[in-house]
Amino acid sequence: MWLTRFAIRQPTIITLFFLAVALFGIIGFFSMGVNVKPPVTFPAV
């Protein structure tokens, strides 16, 4: 219950926290190496 009271009393801090989390997520997403055509080996019978 203390977290909800804190969030209601300090909306600026909570907003900045979530913006920081979103920013780190975006930075992490774009810094990941993504291969458009990864090497795939199909199994043969």
Protein backbone atom coordinates (compact mmCIF):
# COMPACT_ATOMS: atom_id res chain seq x y z
CA MET A 1 0.00 0.00 0.00
CA TRP A 2 2.93 2.34 0.60
CA LEU A 3 3.92 2.18 -3.07
CA THR A 4 0.52 3.37 -4.26
CA ARG A 5 0.50 6.22 -1.74
CA PHE A 6 3.99 7.24 -2.84
CA ALA A 7 2.97 7.11 -6.52
CA ILE A 8 -0.06 9.30 -5.86
CA ARG A 9 1.93 11.82 -3.79
CA GLN A 10 4.95 11.93 -6.13
CA PRO A 11 3.70 11.50 -9.71
CA THR A 12 6.74 13.27 -11.19
CA ILE A 13 9.20 10.78 -9.71
CA ILE A 14 7.14 7.81 -10.90
CA THR A 15 6.83 9.31 -14.39
CA LEU A 16 10.58 9.89 -14.60
CA PHE A 17 11.21 6.33 -13.40
CA PHE A 18 9.00 4.83 -16.10
CA LEU A 19 10.52 7.09 -18.75
CA ALA A 20 13.99 5.91 -17.69
CA VAL A 21 12.90 2.27 -17.89
CA ALA A 22 11.43 2.87 -21.35
CA LEU A 23 14.58 4.67 -22.48
CA PHE A 24 16.81 1.83 -21.29
CA GLY A 25 14.52 -0.64 -23.06
CA ILE A 26 14.72 1.28 -26.34
CA ILE A 27 18.51 1.57 -26.06
CA GLY A 28 18.76 -2.14 -25.33
CA PHE A 29 16.49 -3.02 -28.23
CA PHE A 30 18.48 -1.04 -30.76
CA SER A 31 21.86 -2.18 -29.44
CA MET A 32 20.99 -5.86 -29.88
CA GLY A 33 22.50 -7.54 -32.88
CA VAL A 34 19.76 -8.69 -35.21
CA ASN A 35 20.53 -10.85 -38.20
CA VAL A 36 17.97 -10.59 -41.00
CA LYS A 37 18.82 -14.01 -42.44
CA PRO A 38 20.24 -16.18 -39.67
CA PRO A 39 22.03 -19.37 -40.74
CA VAL A 40 19.54 -22.23 -40.67
CA THR A 41 20.30 -25.89 -41.24
CA PHE A 42 17.31 -28.01 -42.14
CA PRO A 43 17.36 -31.58 -40.87
CA ALA A 44 17.52 -34.31 -43.51
CA VAL A 45 16.12 -37.79 -43.19
